[in-house]
Structure formats: C-alpha cells, structure tokens
Amino acid sequence: MTGVNPSPPVRRLGDRLFAGSARGAGIAILVVLAGVAAFLVVDSVPALVAPAADVPGGKGVFSYVGPLLFGTVIAAVIALVVATPLGVAIALFLTHYAPRRLAQGLGYVVDLLAAIPSIVFGFWGIFWLAPRMVPFYAWAEEHLGFIPLFAGPASATGRTMLTAGVVLAVMILPIISAISREVFAQVPTLHREAALALGATRWEMIRMAVLPYGRSGVIGGAMLGLGRALGETLAIALVLSVSAGTMTFNLISSTNPSTIAANIALQFPESSGLDVHTLIASGLALFALTLVVNVLARAVVNRRADFSGAN
C-alpha cells in the first residue's frame, strides 16, 4: 500500500546491550581522561604560582620543565627516525619477500620484543650497547664534529642521548612493524597483480600499490610508537647520563638533558611539598605533549584514510 511508513526495525536485546556497553565504555574513557587532566592541573597550581626561587633549580617551573620537555622530544624523535624505516622494511620483508614459514617465525620473534620489560632494555643498553657505541662516537667527533649533533666531546661511557634513542627505537620497533605488517597484508590482491601484470618489478609493485595503500597505517603505527617513546621511564633512567637543566643538540656528549618520565621516576621518592607539585607540573607538560601528538596523528591518518588505494 502507498502512503504507509514502514515500521522501524526491532533491535534485539543483544544489540541494545552491546550498543549500551560500547557507549558506556567510550564515556568511561572520557571521564577517566578528564579526571587525570583535572588531577594534574589542580596539583600543578602550587608549583605554577610559587616564587621562582622556591622551585627546584631556583628559576621557576617553566625553566625546570623546559629542558625535560626538550630531552623528551629529542629522545622520542631519535627513536622514531631509527625505528620507522626499520619497522616498515621488516613488515615489507615478512609480507612480500620471505617464505610463509620463515615469515611466521620471524614475525613471532619481532612481536616478542614487545613483551620484554623496559628495565631489561635498560640493562642491555647500559652494559652492551653503550660500550660498543664509544668507538663510533670518537669517529663521529673526529670526522663529523662540524655538525652540531656530533660536536663532542665524545662520551667515554657511551651513555648519551643517541644511545638512549637507539634503545627506545628497539623498544618501539615491534609496534611499528606489527601494525605495518597487518596493513600491508590487507592490500587487495588485484592491485598487486595488476601492477605485476603491467610489467612492474616486485619493488615497483610495492612502491606503487602497497606503500600508498598502507601509508595511513604506517603513520598510525609510528604515532603509537612515538607515544611509547615519550612515556618511557626505566630504560632512559638507566642509560642516560643526565646533566640537570641542560638543553643541547649534541647527541654524543655526556652532557644530556633528562626526560620528563625518567626525571619523575628518579626524583619522586625523595621529593616532598613543592617539589612533588613541580614534578606533577612536568607530568602535566608530558600529558599535554602526548595529547597534541595524538591529535595531530589522528588528523594525518584521517587525511590519508581518504585514499583507499582504489581511488
């Protein structure tokens, strides 16, 4: 019959329960995030309004947090620069070059890196990696000293910002590799076969069909790895030789800025009163930095997601 509106579909009880639980979980996440932000802001106020002379370092909370924020960003950027190409290369090898049995075994090995505690990475960095980096630092100071990153004097122990960045890169490598591997494995077979049928080599097929399709996934994996690097604590605290209040781009010297997370872990047990509020203020800066990075990453991923590989 005409003019009769169809009745709305009846939602089953299971559908209603699932929708309600999913909505509740989303709201709970927002509530927890708002609670954490409110706690950090409220407990940071005493340090923000305190006289500069009373804050650790005697120069105010912003002078205290600035070098820590700088060190956090430098260490995370080094890790991202080192780990992203390696993670993408590993993912491409496992999905398009290695035999299936070998790819499964290597995939498990790479994924197991994510299960290793950060303190183990810290011990590996300080006892194995750092001494083996010392000859490279001496060579870099001699031949690349004109570049501010390698100006020296080279560290005699290897406990530098570059070593800490390499340790962080190994820690975030399985995250980037796993996500990139899943994205590359989902590239439509027709796209790959079409490129090969047109005479493309395997690398040309990867460059024209696989990488454009998986670009948003690679960016998302890199940003997840960056979030892990920004918040890493024990590995940085063990590896890095810290000089308080330092801001330098020199990556091979023993004079290094600390990171926010490592500084909180080292200073909090012996802190009280205003010192605790200052550390919480630095935690607020790390919270804001992580939030900004995630928002920018989401914006980039959403822009790239418009290209599905079939456009």
C-alpha atoms as a PDB file:
ATOM      1  CA  MET A   1       0.000   0.000   0.000  1.00  0.00           C
ATOM      2  CA  THR A   2       1.140   3.539  -0.694  1.00  0.00           C
ATOM      3  CA  GLY A   3       1.485   6.227   1.949  1.00  0.00           C
ATOM      4  CA  VAL A   4       2.278   3.781   4.745  1.00  0.00           C
ATOM      5  CA  ASN A   5       5.571   4.345   6.535  1.00  0.00           C
ATOM      6  CA  PRO A   6       7.479   1.117   7.212  1.00  0.00           C
ATOM      7  CA  SER A   7       7.871   0.303  10.871  1.00  0.00           C
ATOM      8  CA  PRO A   8      11.372   0.822  12.278  1.00  0.00           C
ATOM      9  CA  PRO A   9      13.415  -2.360  12.631  1.00  0.00           C
ATOM     10  CA  VAL A  10      13.189  -4.012  16.024  1.00  0.00           C
ATOM     11  CA  ARG A  11      16.529  -4.088  17.795  1.00  0.00           C
ATOM     12  CA  ARG A  12      17.267  -7.285  19.616  1.00  0.00           C
ATOM     13  CA  LEU A  13      18.174  -7.325  23.264  1.00  0.00           C
ATOM     14  CA  GLY A  14      21.749  -8.358  22.489  1.00  0.00           C
ATOM     15  CA  ASP A  15      22.183  -5.448  20.083  1.00  0.00           C
ATOM     16  CA  ARG A  16      20.879  -2.985  22.656  1.00  0.00           C
ATOM     17  CA  LEU A  17      23.136  -4.366  25.367  1.00  0.00           C
ATOM     18  CA  PHE A  18      26.194  -4.245  23.103  1.00  0.00           C
ATOM     19  CA  ALA A  19      25.437  -0.688  21.972  1.00  0.00           C
ATOM     20  CA  GLY A  20      24.917   0.442  25.552  1.00  0.00           C
ATOM     21  CA  SER A  21      28.095  -1.200  26.818  1.00  0.00           C
ATOM     22  CA  ALA A  22      30.128   0.269  23.950  1.00  0.00           C
ATOM     23  CA  ARG A  23      28.704   3.726  24.632  1.00  0.00           C
ATOM     24  CA  GLY A  24      29.396   3.334  28.335  1.00  0.00           C
ATOM     25  CA  ALA A  25      32.989   2.284  27.665  1.00  0.00           C
ATOM     26  CA  GLY A  26      33.540   5.338  25.461  1.00  0.00           C
ATOM     27  CA  ILE A  27      32.090   7.646  28.116  1.00  0.00           C
ATOM     28  CA  ALA A  28      34.186   5.970  30.823  1.00  0.00           C
ATOM     29  CA  ILE A  29      37.364   6.626  28.846  1.00  0.00           C
ATOM     30  CA  LEU A  30      36.478  10.310  28.530  1.00  0.00           C
ATOM     31  CA  VAL A  31      35.666  10.528  32.242  1.00  0.00           C
ATOM     32  CA  VAL A  32      38.972   8.905  33.233  1.00  0.00           C
ATOM     33  CA  LEU A  33      40.906  11.154  30.855  1.00  0.00           C
ATOM     34  CA  ALA A  34      39.156  14.235  32.230  1.00  0.00           C
ATOM     35  CA  GLY A  35      39.875  13.054  35.782  1.00  0.00           C
ATOM     36  CA  VAL A  36      43.572  12.610  35.060  1.00  0.00           C
ATOM     37  CA  ALA A  37      43.746  16.033  33.428  1.00  0.00           C
ATOM     38  CA  ALA A  38      41.925  17.662  36.356  1.00  0.00           C
ATOM     39  CA  PHE A  39      44.245  15.992  38.882  1.00  0.00           C
ATOM     40  CA  LEU A  40      47.348  17.152  37.017  1.00  0.00           C
ATOM     41  CA  VAL A  41      46.074  20.719  36.669  1.00  0.00           C
ATOM     42  CA  VAL A  42      44.967  21.057  40.301  1.00  0.00           C
ATOM     43  CA  ASP A  43      48.167  19.596  41.749  1.00  0.00           C
ATOM     44  CA  SER A  44      50.322  21.665  39.387  1.00  0.00           C
ATOM     45  CA  VAL A  45      48.874  25.002  40.500  1.00  0.00           C
ATOM     46  CA  PRO A  46      51.050  25.343  43.659  1.00  0.00           C
ATOM     47  CA  ALA A  47      54.192  24.984  41.537  1.00  0.00           C
ATOM     48  CA  LEU A  48      52.885  27.350  38.862  1.00  0.00           C
ATOM     49  CA  VAL A  49      52.126  30.146  41.345  1.00  0.00           C
ATOM     50  CA  ALA A  50      55.111  29.589  43.652  1.00  0.00           C
ATOM     51  CA  PRO A  51      58.027  32.060  43.663  1.00  0.00           C
ATOM     52  CA  ALA A  52      60.741  31.068  41.214  1.00  0.00           C
ATOM     53  CA  ALA A  53      63.333  30.771  43.979  1.00  0.00           C
ATOM     54  CA  ASP A  54      61.301  28.079  45.763  1.00  0.00           C
ATOM     55  CA  VAL A  55      61.059  25.815  42.726  1.00  0.00           C
ATOM     56  CA  PRO A  56      63.866  23.251  42.244  1.00  0.00           C
ATOM     57  CA  GLY A  57      66.622  24.926  40.265  1.00  0.00           C
ATOM     58  CA  GLY A  58      65.634  28.371  41.547  1.00  0.00           C
ATOM     59  CA  LYS A  59      64.491  29.663  38.143  1.00  0.00           C
ATOM     60  CA  GLY A  60      60.786  28.850  38.104  1.00  0.00           C
ATOM     61  CA  VAL A  61      58.705  25.919  36.991  1.00  0.00           C
ATOM     62  CA  PHE A  62      58.964  26.688  33.282  1.00  0.00           C
ATOM     63  CA  SER A  63      62.767  26.763  33.408  1.00  0.00           C
ATOM     64  CA  TYR A  64      62.640  23.459  35.262  1.00  0.00           C
ATOM     65  CA  VAL A  65      60.249  21.735  32.851  1.00  0.00           C
ATOM     66  CA  GLY A  66      61.709  23.208  29.640  1.00  0.00           C
ATOM     67  CA  PRO A  67      64.921  21.123  29.470  1.00  0.00           C
ATOM     68  CA  LEU A  68      62.997  17.995  30.467  1.00  0.00           C
ATOM     69  CA  LEU A  69      60.467  18.555  27.706  1.00  0.00           C
ATOM     70  CA  PHE A  70      63.298  19.197  25.268  1.00  0.00           C
ATOM     71  CA  GLY A  71      65.044  15.945  26.236  1.00  0.00           C
ATOM     72  CA  THR A  72      61.788  14.004  25.965  1.00  0.00           C
ATOM     73  CA  VAL A  73      61.174  15.236  22.429  1.00  0.00           C
ATOM     74  CA  ILE A  74      64.778  14.667  21.300  1.00  0.00           C
ATOM     75  CA  ALA A  75      64.881  11.070  22.577  1.00  0.00           C
ATOM     76  CA  ALA A  76      61.490  10.255  21.046  1.00  0.00           C
ATOM     77  CA  VAL A  77      62.377  11.793  17.686  1.00  0.00           C
ATOM     78  CA  ILE A  78      65.644   9.810  17.503  1.00  0.00           C
ATOM     79  CA  ALA A  79      63.714   6.626  18.273  1.00  0.00           C
ATOM     80  CA  LEU A  80      61.098   7.410  15.646  1.00  0.00           C
ATOM     81  CA  VAL A  81      63.667   8.242  12.958  1.00  0.00           C
ATOM     82  CA  VAL A  82      65.557   4.997  13.593  1.00  0.00           C
ATOM     83  CA  ALA A  83      62.609   2.640  14.162  1.00  0.00           C
ATOM     84  CA  THR A  84      60.151   3.707  11.444  1.00  0.00           C
ATOM     85  CA  PRO A  85      62.267   2.764   8.370  1.00  0.00           C
ATOM     86  CA  LEU A  86      63.359  -0.467  10.055  1.00  0.00           C
ATOM     87  CA  GLY A  87      59.816  -1.346  11.063  1.00  0.00           C
ATOM     88  CA  VAL A  88      58.460  -0.722   7.566  1.00  0.00           C
ATOM     89  CA  ALA A  89      61.319  -2.684   5.994  1.00  0.00           C
ATOM     90  CA  ILE A  90      60.714  -5.639   8.327  1.00  0.00           C
ATOM     91  CA  ALA A  91      56.999  -5.544   7.573  1.00  0.00           C
ATOM     92  CA  LEU A  92      57.621  -5.485   3.809  1.00  0.00           C
ATOM     93  CA  PHE A  93      60.069  -8.376   4.055  1.00  0.00           C
ATOM     94  CA  LEU A  94      57.677 -10.506   6.100  1.00  0.00           C
ATOM     95  CA  THR A  95      54.671  -9.825   3.862  1.00  0.00           C
ATOM     96  CA  HIS A  96      56.181  -9.742   0.350  1.00  0.00           C
ATOM     97  CA  TYR A  97      59.634 -11.344   0.320  1.00  0.00           C
ATOM     98  CA  ALA A  98      60.065 -14.024   2.990  1.00  0.00           C
ATOM     99  CA  PRO A  99      58.626 -17.545   2.548  1.00  0.00           C
ATOM    100  CA  ARG A 100      55.479 -18.121   4.574  1.00  0.00           C
ATOM    101  CA  ARG A 101      57.054 -20.369   7.223  1.00  0.00           C
ATOM    102  CA  LEU A 102      60.032 -18.079   7.684  1.00  0.00           C
ATOM    103  CA  ALA A 103      57.739 -15.049   7.844  1.00  0.00           C
ATOM    104  CA  GLN A 104      55.652 -16.609  10.617  1.00  0.00           C
ATOM    105  CA  GLY A 105      58.706 -17.454  12.709  1.00  0.00           C
ATOM    106  CA  LEU A 106      60.319 -14.049  12.273  1.00  0.00           C
ATOM    107  CA  GLY A 107      57.006 -12.346  12.952  1.00  0.00           C
ATOM    108  CA  TYR A 108      56.753 -14.102  16.308  1.00  0.00           C
ATOM    109  CA  VAL A 109      60.319 -13.109  17.175  1.00  0.00           C
ATOM    110  CA  VAL A 110      59.686  -9.447  16.348  1.00  0.00           C
ATOM    111  CA  ASP A 111      56.434  -9.435  18.302  1.00  0.00           C
ATOM    112  CA  LEU A 112      58.198 -10.940  21.324  1.00  0.00           C
ATOM    113  CA  LEU A 113      60.298  -7.777  21.593  1.00  0.00           C
ATOM    114  CA  ALA A 114      57.172  -6.001  22.822  1.00  0.00           C
ATOM    115  CA  ALA A 115      56.929  -8.418  25.767  1.00  0.00           C
ATOM    116  CA  ILE A 116      60.423  -7.684  27.105  1.00  0.00           C
ATOM    117  CA  PRO A 117      60.297  -5.415  30.205  1.00  0.00           C
ATOM    118  CA  SER A 118      61.753  -1.962  29.763  1.00  0.00           C
ATOM    119  CA  ILE A 119      64.264  -2.495  32.562  1.00  0.00           C
ATOM    120  CA  VAL A 120      65.778  -5.357  30.550  1.00  0.00           C
ATOM    121  CA  PHE A 121      66.200  -2.989  27.606  1.00  0.00           C
ATOM    122  CA  GLY A 122      67.833  -0.546  30.018  1.00  0.00           C
ATOM    123  CA  PHE A 123      70.362  -3.122  31.208  1.00  0.00           C
ATOM    124  CA  TRP A 124      71.039  -4.131  27.594  1.00  0.00           C
ATOM    125  CA  GLY A 125      71.594  -0.518  26.657  1.00  0.00           C
ATOM    126  CA  ILE A 126      73.950   0.334  29.510  1.00  0.00           C
ATOM    127  CA  PHE A 127      76.024  -2.879  29.595  1.00  0.00           C
ATOM    128  CA  TRP A 128      76.072  -3.987  25.939  1.00  0.00           C
ATOM    129  CA  LEU A 129      75.094  -1.184  23.576  1.00  0.00           C
ATOM    130  CA  ALA A 130      76.719   1.830  25.245  1.00  0.00           C
ATOM    131  CA  PRO A 131      80.299   0.459  25.325  1.00  0.00           C
ATOM    132  CA  ARG A 132      80.031  -0.587  21.676  1.00  0.00           C
ATOM    133  CA  MET A 133      78.908   2.893  20.662  1.00  0.00           C
ATOM    134  CA  VAL A 134      82.016   4.574  22.105  1.00  0.00           C
ATOM    135  CA  PRO A 135      84.259   3.951  19.029  1.00  0.00           C
ATOM    136  CA  PHE A 136      81.560   5.362  16.760  1.00  0.00           C
ATOM    137  CA  TYR A 137      81.247   8.466  18.937  1.00  0.00           C
ATOM    138  CA  ALA A 138      85.012   9.034  18.766  1.00  0.00           C
ATOM    139  CA  TRP A 139      84.919   8.643  14.981  1.00  0.00           C
ATOM    140  CA  ALA A 140      81.899  10.965  14.686  1.00  0.00           C
ATOM    141  CA  GLU A 141      83.609  13.646  16.781  1.00  0.00           C
ATOM    142  CA  GLU A 142      86.716  13.469  14.605  1.00  0.00           C
ATOM    143  CA  HIS A 143      85.056  13.379  11.188  1.00  0.00           C
ATOM    144  CA  LEU A 144      81.602  14.922  11.775  1.00  0.00           C
ATOM    145  CA  GLY A 145      82.386  17.361  14.555  1.00  0.00           C
ATOM    146  CA  PHE A 146      81.415  20.311  12.367  1.00  0.00           C
ATOM    147  CA  ILE A 147      77.789  19.135  12.684  1.00  0.00           C
ATOM    148  CA  PRO A 148      76.230  20.296  15.988  1.00  0.00           C
ATOM    149  CA  LEU A 149      74.777  16.830  16.571  1.00  0.00           C
ATOM    150  CA  PHE A 150      78.288  15.345  16.792  1.00  0.00           C
ATOM    151  CA  ALA A 151      80.228  18.282  18.182  1.00  0.00           C
ATOM    152  CA  GLY A 152      81.543  16.332  21.171  1.00  0.00           C
ATOM    153  CA  PRO A 153      83.437  15.898  23.365  1.00  0.00           C
ATOM    154  CA  ALA A 154      82.548  12.263  22.828  1.00  0.00           C
ATOM    155  CA  SER A 155      81.355  10.332  25.841  1.00  0.00           C
ATOM    156  CA  ALA A 156      83.806   7.778  27.232  1.00  0.00           C
ATOM    157  CA  THR A 157      80.980   5.608  28.577  1.00  0.00           C
ATOM    158  CA  GLY A 158      78.534   5.710  25.662  1.00  0.00           C
ATOM    159  CA  ARG A 159      75.683   6.846  27.926  1.00  0.00           C
ATOM    160  CA  THR A 160      74.440   9.543  25.584  1.00  0.00           C
ATOM    161  CA  MET A 161      71.181  10.768  24.134  1.00  0.00           C
ATOM    162  CA  LEU A 162      71.874   8.889  20.911  1.00  0.00           C
ATOM    163  CA  THR A 163      72.308   5.617  22.804  1.00  0.00           C
ATOM    164  CA  ALA A 164      69.079   6.242  24.683  1.00  0.00           C
ATOM    165  CA  GLY A 165      67.314   6.975  21.387  1.00  0.00           C
ATOM    166  CA  VAL A 166      68.563   3.715  19.870  1.00  0.00           C
ATOM    167  CA  VAL A 167      67.314   1.766  22.899  1.00  0.00           C
ATOM    168  CA  LEU A 168      63.919   3.428  22.548  1.00  0.00           C
ATOM    169  CA  ALA A 169      63.935   2.599  18.833  1.00  0.00           C
ATOM    170  CA  VAL A 170      64.360  -1.109  19.609  1.00  0.00           C
ATOM    171  CA  MET A 171      61.535  -0.874  22.126  1.00  0.00           C
ATOM    172  CA  ILE A 172      59.024   0.678  19.710  1.00  0.00           C
ATOM    173  CA  LEU A 173      60.156  -1.370  16.698  1.00  0.00           C
ATOM    174  CA  PRO A 174      57.669  -4.242  17.272  1.00  0.00           C
ATOM    175  CA  ILE A 175      54.751  -1.792  17.487  1.00  0.00           C
ATOM    176  CA  ILE A 176      55.534  -0.137  14.169  1.00  0.00           C
ATOM    177  CA  SER A 177      56.409  -3.430  12.496  1.00  0.00           C
ATOM    178  CA  ALA A 178      53.279  -5.273  13.664  1.00  0.00           C
ATOM    179  CA  ILE A 179      50.854  -2.570  12.562  1.00  0.00           C
ATOM    180  CA  SER A 180      52.635  -2.036   9.244  1.00  0.00           C
ATOM    181  CA  ARG A 181      52.652  -5.784   8.622  1.00  0.00           C
ATOM    182  CA  GLU A 182      48.905  -6.052   9.184  1.00  0.00           C
ATOM    183  CA  VAL A 183      48.220  -3.114   6.871  1.00  0.00           C
ATOM    184  CA  PHE A 184      50.486  -4.376   4.078  1.00  0.00           C
ATOM    185  CA  ALA A 185      48.890  -7.827   4.280  1.00  0.00           C
ATOM    186  CA  GLN A 186      45.482  -6.262   3.588  1.00  0.00           C
ATOM    187  CA  VAL A 187      46.481  -4.695   0.275  1.00  0.00           C
ATOM    188  CA  PRO A 188      43.976  -6.010  -2.314  1.00  0.00           C
ATOM    189  CA  THR A 189      45.426  -8.843  -4.361  1.00  0.00           C
ATOM    190  CA  LEU A 190      44.028  -7.293  -7.540  1.00  0.00           C
ATOM    191  CA  HIS A 191      46.131  -4.170  -7.011  1.00  0.00           C
ATOM    192  CA  ARG A 192      49.331  -6.161  -6.653  1.00  0.00           C
ATOM    193  CA  GLU A 193      48.549  -8.470  -9.561  1.00  0.00           C
ATOM    194  CA  ALA A 194      47.610  -5.536 -11.792  1.00  0.00           C
ATOM    195  CA  ALA A 195      50.943  -3.825 -11.134  1.00  0.00           C
ATOM    196  CA  LEU A 196      52.853  -7.040 -11.843  1.00  0.00           C
ATOM    197  CA  ALA A 197      50.808  -7.697 -14.988  1.00  0.00           C
ATOM    198  CA  LEU A 198      51.805  -4.270 -16.315  1.00  0.00           C
ATOM    199  CA  GLY A 199      55.453  -5.274 -16.074  1.00  0.00           C
ATOM    200  CA  ALA A 200      56.357  -3.782 -12.713  1.00  0.00           C
ATOM    201  CA  THR A 201      59.096  -5.407 -10.684  1.00  0.00           C
ATOM    202  CA  ARG A 202      58.355  -6.506  -7.129  1.00  0.00           C
ATOM    203  CA  TRP A 203      59.811  -3.287  -5.702  1.00  0.00           C
ATOM    204  CA  GLU A 204      57.881  -1.162  -8.202  1.00  0.00           C
ATOM    205  CA  MET A 205      54.699  -3.020  -7.243  1.00  0.00           C
ATOM    206  CA  ILE A 206      55.398  -2.293  -3.569  1.00  0.00           C
ATOM    207  CA  ARG A 207      56.145   1.356  -4.293  1.00  0.00           C
ATOM    208  CA  MET A 208      53.061   1.918  -6.475  1.00  0.00           C
ATOM    209  CA  ALA A 209      50.466  -0.331  -4.811  1.00  0.00           C
ATOM    210  CA  VAL A 210      51.486  -1.403  -1.312  1.00  0.00           C
ATOM    211  CA  LEU A 211      53.030   1.709   0.213  1.00  0.00           C
ATOM    212  CA  PRO A 212      50.292   4.140  -0.902  1.00  0.00           C
ATOM    213  CA  TYR A 213      47.618   1.775   0.401  1.00  0.00           C
ATOM    214  CA  GLY A 214      49.295   1.303   3.777  1.00  0.00           C
ATOM    215  CA  ARG A 215      50.551   4.845   4.341  1.00  0.00           C
ATOM    216  CA  SER A 216      47.893   5.756   6.904  1.00  0.00           C
ATOM    217  CA  GLY A 217      48.550   2.537   8.811  1.00  0.00           C
ATOM    218  CA  VAL A 218      52.288   3.206   8.874  1.00  0.00           C
ATOM    219  CA  ILE A 219      51.670   6.714  10.199  1.00  0.00           C
ATOM    220  CA  GLY A 220      49.321   5.363  12.849  1.00  0.00           C
ATOM    221  CA  GLY A 221      51.863   2.743  13.937  1.00  0.00           C
ATOM    222  CA  ALA A 222      54.627   5.340  14.059  1.00  0.00           C
ATOM    223  CA  MET A 223      52.498   7.594  16.255  1.00  0.00           C
ATOM    224  CA  LEU A 224      51.727   4.711  18.625  1.00  0.00           C
ATOM    225  CA  GLY A 225      55.442   4.044  18.841  1.00  0.00           C
ATOM    226  CA  LEU A 226      56.082   7.727  19.452  1.00  0.00           C
ATOM    227  CA  GLY A 227      53.619   7.653  22.346  1.00  0.00           C
ATOM    228  CA  ARG A 228      55.512   4.725  23.861  1.00  0.00           C
ATOM    229  CA  ALA A 229      58.820   6.541  23.428  1.00  0.00           C
ATOM    230  CA  LEU A 230      57.521   9.751  25.015  1.00  0.00           C
ATOM    231  CA  GLY A 231      56.453   7.961  28.174  1.00  0.00           C
ATOM    232  CA  GLU A 232      59.328   5.503  28.607  1.00  0.00           C
ATOM    233  CA  THR A 233      60.905   5.682  32.050  1.00  0.00           C
ATOM    234  CA  LEU A 234      63.253   2.969  33.321  1.00  0.00           C
ATOM    235  CA  ALA A 235      65.270   2.384  30.171  1.00  0.00           C
ATOM    236  CA  ILE A 236      66.062   6.100  29.846  1.00  0.00           C
ATOM    237  CA  ALA A 237      66.808   6.433  33.558  1.00  0.00           C
ATOM    238  CA  LEU A 238      69.351   3.602  33.362  1.00  0.00           C
ATOM    239  CA  VAL A 239      71.030   4.502  30.071  1.00  0.00           C
ATOM    240  CA  LEU A 240      71.183   8.281  30.033  1.00  0.00           C
ATOM    241  CA  SER A 241      73.926  10.257  31.757  1.00  0.00           C
ATOM    242  CA  VAL A 242      71.997  13.337  32.861  1.00  0.00           C
ATOM    243  CA  SER A 243      73.084  16.917  33.473  1.00  0.00           C
ATOM    244  CA  ALA A 244      70.302  18.899  35.151  1.00  0.00           C
ATOM    245  CA  GLY A 245      68.943  21.914  33.292  1.00  0.00           C
ATOM    246  CA  THR A 246      70.812  21.158  30.070  1.00  0.00           C
ATOM    247  CA  MET A 247      69.441  21.840  26.604  1.00  0.00           C
ATOM    248  CA  THR A 248      71.746  20.738  23.803  1.00  0.00           C
ATOM    249  CA  PHE A 249      71.513  19.099  20.390  1.00  0.00           C
ATOM    250  CA  ASN A 250      74.840  17.337  20.950  1.00  0.00           C
ATOM    251  CA  LEU A 251      73.963  13.635  20.802  1.00  0.00           C
ATOM    252  CA  ILE A 252      77.340  12.069  21.659  1.00  0.00           C
ATOM    253  CA  SER A 253      78.370  14.023  24.738  1.00  0.00           C
ATOM    254  CA  SER A 254      77.956  13.046  28.389  1.00  0.00           C
ATOM    255  CA  THR A 255      76.088  16.311  28.937  1.00  0.00           C
ATOM    256  CA  ASN A 256      72.472  15.341  28.263  1.00  0.00           C
ATOM    257  CA  PRO A 257      69.042  16.612  29.237  1.00  0.00           C
ATOM    258  CA  SER A 258      66.824  14.147  31.058  1.00  0.00           C
ATOM    259  CA  THR A 259      63.290  13.208  30.011  1.00  0.00           C
ATOM    260  CA  ILE A 260      60.159  14.007  31.969  1.00  0.00           C
ATOM    261  CA  ALA A 261      59.229  10.417  32.781  1.00  0.00           C
ATOM    262  CA  ALA A 262      62.757   9.430  33.807  1.00  0.00           C
ATOM    263  CA  ASN A 263      63.163  12.536  35.946  1.00  0.00           C
ATOM    264  CA  ILE A 264      59.899  11.863  37.780  1.00  0.00           C
ATOM    265  CA  ALA A 265      60.941   8.262  38.461  1.00  0.00           C
ATOM    266  CA  LEU A 266      64.332   9.332  39.815  1.00  0.00           C
ATOM    267  CA  GLN A 267      63.259  12.364  41.845  1.00  0.00           C
ATOM    268  CA  PHE A 268      59.835  11.443  43.202  1.00  0.00           C
ATOM    269  CA  PRO A 269      60.919   9.050  46.020  1.00  0.00           C
ATOM    270  CA  GLU A 270      62.950  11.795  47.726  1.00  0.00           C
ATOM    271  CA  SER A 271      60.607  14.710  46.981  1.00  0.00           C
ATOM    272  CA  SER A 272      58.067  16.384  49.233  1.00  0.00           C
ATOM    273  CA  GLY A 273      55.984  19.521  49.360  1.00  0.00           C
ATOM    274  CA  LEU A 274      56.551  21.900  46.470  1.00  0.00           C
ATOM    275  CA  ASP A 275      58.983  19.507  44.808  1.00  0.00           C
ATOM    276  CA  VAL A 276      56.170  16.998  44.318  1.00  0.00           C
ATOM    277  CA  HIS A 277      53.929  19.653  42.781  1.00  0.00           C
ATOM    278  CA  THR A 278      56.764  20.617  40.428  1.00  0.00           C
ATOM    279  CA  LEU A 279      57.130  17.026  39.286  1.00  0.00           C
ATOM    280  CA  ILE A 280      53.382  16.838  38.729  1.00  0.00           C
ATOM    281  CA  ALA A 281      53.621  20.026  36.675  1.00  0.00           C
ATOM    282  CA  SER A 282      56.200  18.316  34.485  1.00  0.00           C
ATOM    283  CA  GLY A 283      53.793  15.377  34.206  1.00  0.00           C
ATOM    284  CA  LEU A 284      51.136  17.825  33.031  1.00  0.00           C
ATOM    285  CA  ALA A 285      53.509  19.011  30.312  1.00  0.00           C
ATOM    286  CA  LEU A 286      54.076  15.408  29.204  1.00  0.00           C
ATOM    287  CA  PHE A 287      50.311  14.795  29.231  1.00  0.00           C
ATOM    288  CA  ALA A 288      49.727  17.855  27.050  1.00  0.00           C
ATOM    289  CA  LEU A 289      52.542  16.876  24.672  1.00  0.00           C
ATOM    290  CA  THR A 290      51.156  13.347  24.262  1.00  0.00           C
ATOM    291  CA  LEU A 291      47.656  14.707  23.684  1.00  0.00           C
ATOM    292  CA  VAL A 292      48.878  17.112  20.999  1.00  0.00           C
ATOM    293  CA  VAL A 293      50.866  14.361  19.261  1.00  0.00           C
ATOM    294  CA  ASN A 294      47.854  12.031  19.222  1.00  0.00           C
ATOM    295  CA  VAL A 295      45.543  14.738  17.885  1.00  0.00           C
ATOM    296  CA  LEU A 296      47.974  15.608  15.089  1.00  0.00           C
ATOM    297  CA  ALA A 297      48.463  11.918  14.286  1.00  0.00           C
ATOM    298  CA  ARG A 298      44.713  11.374  14.096  1.00  0.00           C
ATOM    299  CA  ALA A 299      44.374  14.332  11.744  1.00  0.00           C
ATOM    300  CA  VAL A 300      47.103  12.977   9.463  1.00  0.00           C
ATOM    301  CA  VAL A 301      45.640   9.454   9.488  1.00  0.00           C
ATOM    302  CA  ASN A 302      42.160  10.766   8.683  1.00  0.00           C
ATOM    303  CA  ARG A 303      43.517  12.718   5.719  1.00  0.00           C
ATOM    304  CA  ARG A 304      45.375   9.673   4.404  1.00  0.00           C
ATOM    305  CA  ALA A 305      42.407   7.372   5.006  1.00  0.00           C
ATOM    306  CA  ASP A 306      40.512   9.116   2.204  1.00  0.00           C
ATOM    307  CA  PHE A 307      42.862   7.336  -0.188  1.00  0.00           C
ATOM    308  CA  SER A 308      41.982   3.666  -0.079  1.00  0.00           C
ATOM    309  CA  GLY A 309      44.223   2.510  -2.890  1.00  0.00           C
ATOM    310  CA  ALA A 310      41.241   2.045  -5.200  1.00  0.00           C
ATOM    311  CA  ASN A 311      40.731   5.724  -5.979  1.00  0.00           C
END
